[in-house]
């Protein structure tokens, strides 16, 4: 049995995922993609072994699995049709989901599923396990080079200039809700952590700009009744979009494999 996949967005995440699926993944078939520039999307996929159809965002819901890898501004245009059609939605823009938990409730009504990939995060299995018991605190400290934070609304609203920064600087401290609003392209890791653990209101986030870094670095600290643990990951930024790590499309691919594999490791 083959499960069909459609991808919304052909940027750093979507294009890499599309190429991997076209290369062949047992049980999965890429049938459609959507992008703002449809002509460019056709050019990018023309050399595929099995070029997918280039369709409007709403038509992605024809597939069994819909992967959202588009700008957060069009999240609803990908997510809502997929949920209404009772599909499996795999969102890369997890931060956008935090402000749309009504979609989770709607998915319960239609029979759709929303499956969040780990993205640039690690240890979600441990966080989920700890959250089955008492958890005192969950914090994430994200450190990025200036290019990885450029364009964030929070920086513009607060007059924070990244040019000329010569040493690490804390630019944000708050909960995951606030971080998602202020840094919609930067904190999908914090959003995934919040959903896996104790929720966005209690999950604390620090965002640092560090001109000495070449990698996006995330440190997660959890204090729980069952365990205390600290995790760190240093992700290599995508050359196509420094706000995204190279590991992110690989994470989505691993998530898709897990949906069709006979053997699945991890909860």
Protein backbone atom coordinates (compact mmCIF):
# COMPACT_ATOMS: atom_id res chain seq x y z
CA UNK A 1 0.00 0.00 0.00
CA UNK A 2 1.33 3.42 -0.97
CA UNK A 3 0.56 6.58 1.00
CA UNK A 4 0.41 9.77 -1.02
CA UNK A 5 2.14 12.98 0.06
CA UNK A 6 1.71 16.63 -0.93
CA UNK A 7 3.97 19.50 0.10
CA UNK A 8 3.01 23.12 0.58
CA UNK A 9 6.09 25.27 -0.04
CA UNK A 10 9.25 24.57 -2.02
CA UNK A 11 11.79 26.49 0.01
CA UNK A 12 14.67 25.15 2.08
CA UNK A 13 12.46 22.53 3.74
CA UNK A 14 9.94 21.65 1.07
CA UNK A 15 12.32 21.28 -1.87
CA UNK A 16 14.78 19.10 0.05
CA UNK A 17 11.91 16.90 1.22
CA UNK A 18 10.45 16.68 -2.29
CA UNK A 19 13.80 15.59 -3.70
CA UNK A 20 14.16 12.91 -1.02
CA UNK A 21 10.68 11.54 -1.69
CA UNK A 22 11.27 11.54 -5.44
CA UNK A 23 14.44 9.56 -4.82
CA UNK A 24 12.29 6.79 -3.42
CA UNK A 25 10.91 6.09 0.06
CA UNK A 26 9.13 2.79 0.62
CA UNK A 27 5.41 3.30 1.15
CA UNK A 28 5.38 7.01 0.21
CA UNK A 29 4.66 8.76 -3.10
CA UNK A 30 4.90 12.50 -3.73
CA UNK A 31 1.94 13.50 -5.92
CA UNK A 32 1.63 17.29 -5.57
CA UNK A 33 3.40 20.46 -4.50
CA UNK A 34 2.29 24.05 -4.12
CA UNK A 35 4.33 27.24 -4.12
CA UNK A 36 3.80 30.98 -4.47
CA UNK A 37 5.58 30.95 -7.84
CA UNK A 38 4.04 28.03 -9.73
CA UNK A 39 6.25 28.43 -12.80
CA UNK A 40 9.37 28.24 -10.66
CA UNK A 41 7.94 25.21 -8.85
CA UNK A 42 7.49 23.44 -12.18
CA UNK A 43 11.07 24.28 -13.14
CA UNK A 44 12.39 22.99 -9.82
CA UNK A 45 10.60 19.66 -10.12
CA UNK A 46 10.88 19.17 -13.89
CA UNK A 47 13.94 16.94 -13.53
CA UNK A 48 12.34 14.64 -10.96
CA UNK A 49 11.96 10.98 -11.79
CA UNK A 50 8.20 11.42 -11.21
CA UNK A 51 7.40 15.15 -11.33
CA UNK A 52 4.54 15.99 -8.97
CA UNK A 53 1.61 18.13 -10.03
CA UNK A 54 1.88 21.82 -9.14
CA UNK A 55 -1.44 22.77 -7.58
CA UNK A 56 -3.07 25.56 -5.53
CA UNK A 57 -2.59 25.27 -1.77
CA UNK A 58 -6.12 24.00 -1.11
CA UNK A 59 -5.68 21.13 -3.60
CA UNK A 60 -2.87 19.64 -1.50
CA UNK A 61 -5.61 18.03 0.59
CA UNK A 62 -6.09 15.44 -2.17
CA UNK A 63 -3.09 13.57 -0.70
CA UNK A 64 -3.17 11.30 2.35
CA UNK A 65 -0.46 13.35 4.06
CA UNK A 66 -0.10 17.12 3.69
CA UNK A 67 3.23 18.64 4.70
CA UNK A 68 3.14 22.36 5.50
CA UNK A 69 6.52 23.93 4.69
CA UNK A 70 5.33 27.34 3.57
CA UNK A 71 5.62 30.83 5.10
CA UNK A 72 3.61 31.08 8.31
CA UNK A 73 1.39 33.72 6.69
CA UNK A 74 -0.30 31.04 4.53
CA UNK A 75 -0.49 28.37 7.24
CA UNK A 76 -4.30 28.33 7.25
CA UNK A 77 -4.45 27.90 3.47
CA UNK A 78 -2.54 24.64 3.82
CA UNK A 79 -3.82 23.41 7.16
CA UNK A 80 -7.55 24.06 7.02
CA UNK A 81 -8.33 22.13 3.81
CA UNK A 82 -6.21 19.21 5.02
CA UNK A 83 -8.06 19.08 8.32
CA UNK A 84 -11.47 19.43 6.70
CA UNK A 85 -10.58 16.52 4.40
CA UNK A 86 -9.54 14.37 7.40
CA UNK A 87 -5.93 14.10 6.21
CA UNK A 88 -2.71 13.83 8.19
CA UNK A 89 -1.18 17.30 8.52
CA UNK A 90 2.56 17.54 9.21
CA UNK A 91 3.33 21.21 9.98
CA UNK A 92 6.84 22.60 9.81
CA UNK A 93 5.61 26.02 11.00
CA UNK A 94 4.82 24.73 14.48
CA UNK A 95 4.88 28.23 15.94
CA UNK A 96 1.86 29.12 13.79
CA UNK A 97 -0.03 26.17 15.29
CA UNK A 98 0.24 27.57 18.83
CA UNK A 99 -2.12 30.42 17.95
CA UNK A 100 -4.50 28.05 16.16
CA UNK A 101 -5.29 25.34 18.66
CA UNK A 102 -8.86 25.52 17.37
CA UNK A 103 -7.51 23.49 14.45
CA UNK A 104 -6.69 20.67 16.85
CA UNK A 105 -10.26 20.70 18.10
CA UNK A 106 -11.55 20.73 14.52
CA UNK A 107 -9.28 17.79 13.65
CA UNK A 108 -10.93 15.81 16.46
CA UNK A 109 -14.28 16.43 14.78
CA UNK A 110 -13.23 15.56 11.22
CA UNK A 111 -10.92 12.65 12.04
CA UNK A 112 -7.79 14.42 10.80
CA UNK A 113 -4.46 14.06 12.58
CA UNK A 114 -1.81 16.71 13.22
CA UNK A 115 1.68 15.25 13.64
CA UNK A 116 4.46 17.64 14.63
CA UNK A 117 7.97 16.66 13.50
CA UNK A 118 10.87 17.26 15.86
CA UNK A 119 12.53 19.74 13.48
CA UNK A 120 15.78 21.08 14.90
CA UNK A 121 14.94 19.78 18.37
CA UNK A 122 16.14 16.68 20.15
CA UNK A 123 14.84 14.64 23.04
CA UNK A 124 11.10 15.10 22.47
CA UNK A 125 10.57 11.48 23.52
CA UNK A 126 12.11 12.24 26.91
CA UNK A 127 10.08 15.44 27.27
CA UNK A 128 6.84 13.64 26.42
CA UNK A 129 7.65 10.88 28.87
CA UNK A 130 8.45 13.36 31.66
CA UNK A 131 5.22 15.25 30.95
CA UNK A 132 3.22 12.13 31.83
CA UNK A 133 4.22 12.95 35.40
CA UNK A 134 5.02 16.13 37.32
CA UNK A 135 7.19 18.68 35.53
CA UNK A 136 8.48 21.71 37.41
CA UNK A 137 10.03 23.64 34.53
CA UNK A 138 11.01 23.48 30.87
CA UNK A 139 13.28 26.10 29.34
CA UNK A 140 14.92 26.49 25.96
CA UNK A 141 17.82 28.81 25.21
CA UNK A 142 18.25 29.47 21.49
CA UNK A 143 21.40 31.13 20.17
CA UNK A 144 21.70 32.11 16.52
CA UNK A 145 24.02 34.14 14.32
CA UNK A 146 22.51 37.49 13.24
CA UNK A 147 21.38 36.17 9.84
CA UNK A 148 19.27 33.55 11.59
CA UNK A 149 17.18 36.20 13.35
CA UNK A 150 16.96 38.91 10.70
CA UNK A 151 13.45 40.08 9.89
CA UNK A 152 11.87 38.96 13.17
CA UNK A 153 8.86 41.19 14.03
CA UNK A 154 9.90 41.42 17.70
CA UNK A 155 13.23 42.98 16.78
CA UNK A 156 11.58 45.58 14.54
CA UNK A 157 8.90 46.42 17.10
CA UNK A 158 11.50 46.97 19.81
CA UNK A 159 14.06 48.79 17.67
CA UNK A 160 16.70 46.08 18.08
CA UNK A 161 19.37 46.35 15.39
CA UNK A 162 21.51 43.30 14.63
CA UNK A 163 24.11 45.15 12.58
CA UNK A 164 27.16 46.03 14.61
CA UNK A 165 26.58 43.48 17.39
CA UNK A 166 30.00 42.16 18.35
CA UNK A 167 29.21 39.96 21.36
CA UNK A 168 26.36 37.65 22.48
CA UNK A 169 23.22 39.57 23.38
CA UNK A 170 19.95 38.42 24.92
CA UNK A 171 17.19 39.85 22.71
CA UNK A 172 14.13 38.05 24.12
CA UNK A 173 12.96 36.32 27.28
CA UNK A 174 9.40 35.12 27.76
CA UNK A 175 7.12 32.15 27.24
CA UNK A 176 6.63 30.14 24.05
CA UNK A 177 3.41 31.96 23.13
CA UNK A 178 5.23 35.30 23.17
CA UNK A 179 8.24 33.88 21.35
CA UNK A 180 6.06 32.48 18.56
CA UNK A 181 4.40 35.85 18.01
CA UNK A 182 7.67 37.76 17.96
CA UNK A 183 9.82 35.28 16.05
CA UNK A 184 7.47 33.30 13.75
CA UNK A 185 10.30 32.03 11.52
CA UNK A 186 12.72 31.23 14.33
CA UNK A 187 11.09 29.41 17.22
CA UNK A 188 9.44 26.32 15.77
CA UNK A 189 11.74 24.35 18.08
CA UNK A 190 10.31 26.13 21.12
CA UNK A 191 6.76 25.56 19.90
CA UNK A 192 7.37 21.82 19.42
CA UNK A 193 8.93 21.64 22.87
CA UNK A 194 5.92 23.39 24.39
CA UNK A 195 3.44 21.04 22.72
CA UNK A 196 5.43 17.99 23.80
CA UNK A 197 5.76 19.14 27.39
CA UNK A 198 3.93 21.52 29.70
CA UNK A 199 2.36 23.89 27.21
CA UNK A 200 3.35 27.25 25.71
CA UNK A 201 2.39 29.37 28.71
CA UNK A 202 4.79 27.54 31.07
CA UNK A 203 7.60 26.85 28.60
CA UNK A 204 10.22 29.56 29.00
CA UNK A 205 12.28 30.80 26.05
CA UNK A 206 15.47 32.82 25.77
CA UNK A 207 16.68 34.01 22.37
CA UNK A 208 20.24 35.23 21.93
CA UNK A 209 21.98 36.72 18.93
CA UNK A 210 25.60 35.61 18.83
CA UNK A 211 27.86 36.90 16.02
CA UNK A 212 30.49 34.34 17.00
CA UNK A 213 28.29 31.39 16.04
CA UNK A 214 27.99 29.67 12.70
CA UNK A 215 25.39 27.18 13.90
CA UNK A 216 21.91 27.53 15.37
CA UNK A 217 22.27 26.30 18.95
CA UNK A 218 19.46 25.17 21.25
CA UNK A 219 19.83 24.15 24.89
CA UNK A 220 16.83 22.51 26.59
CA UNK A 221 16.60 22.08 30.35
CA UNK A 222 13.89 20.04 32.04
CA UNK A 223 13.21 19.67 35.76
CA UNK A 224 10.70 16.90 36.43
CA UNK A 225 9.76 14.44 39.14
CA UNK A 226 11.01 11.52 37.06
CA UNK A 227 14.22 13.06 35.72
CA UNK A 228 16.36 16.11 35.31
CA UNK A 229 18.03 16.53 31.93
CA UNK A 230 19.80 19.02 29.70
CA UNK A 231 20.14 18.66 25.95
CA UNK A 232 22.01 20.69 23.36
CA UNK A 233 21.98 20.65 19.58
CA UNK A 234 24.08 22.69 17.15
CA UNK A 235 22.32 22.76 13.80
CA UNK A 236 23.98 23.83 10.57
CA UNK A 237 21.89 26.58 8.93
CA UNK A 238 20.56 25.95 5.45
CA UNK A 239 22.49 27.91 2.81
CA UNK A 240 19.14 28.71 1.19
CA UNK A 241 17.56 30.05 4.40
CA UNK A 242 19.72 30.67 7.49
CA UNK A 243 16.58 30.67 9.68
CA UNK A 244 16.19 26.96 8.91
CA UNK A 245 18.58 24.15 9.81
CA UNK A 246 19.69 21.47 7.39
CA UNK A 247 18.32 18.88 9.82
CA UNK A 248 14.73 20.19 9.56
CA UNK A 249 13.73 18.58 6.25
CA UNK A 250 15.47 15.39 7.36
CA UNK A 251 13.32 15.46 10.49
CA UNK A 252 10.15 15.76 8.40
CA UNK A 253 11.31 12.88 6.21
CA UNK A 254 11.95 10.73 9.30
CA UNK A 255 8.48 11.65 10.56
CA UNK A 256 6.91 10.53 7.28
CA UNK A 257 8.87 7.26 7.32
CA UNK A 258 7.56 6.60 10.82
CA UNK A 259 3.98 6.92 9.59
CA UNK A 260 4.36 4.03 7.15
CA UNK A 261 7.17 1.89 8.60
CA UNK A 262 6.55 -1.55 10.05
CA UNK A 263 9.15 -0.83 12.77
CA UNK A 264 9.02 2.58 14.43
CA UNK A 265 11.57 3.58 17.08
CA UNK A 266 10.51 6.17 19.65
CA UNK A 267 7.15 7.21 20.96
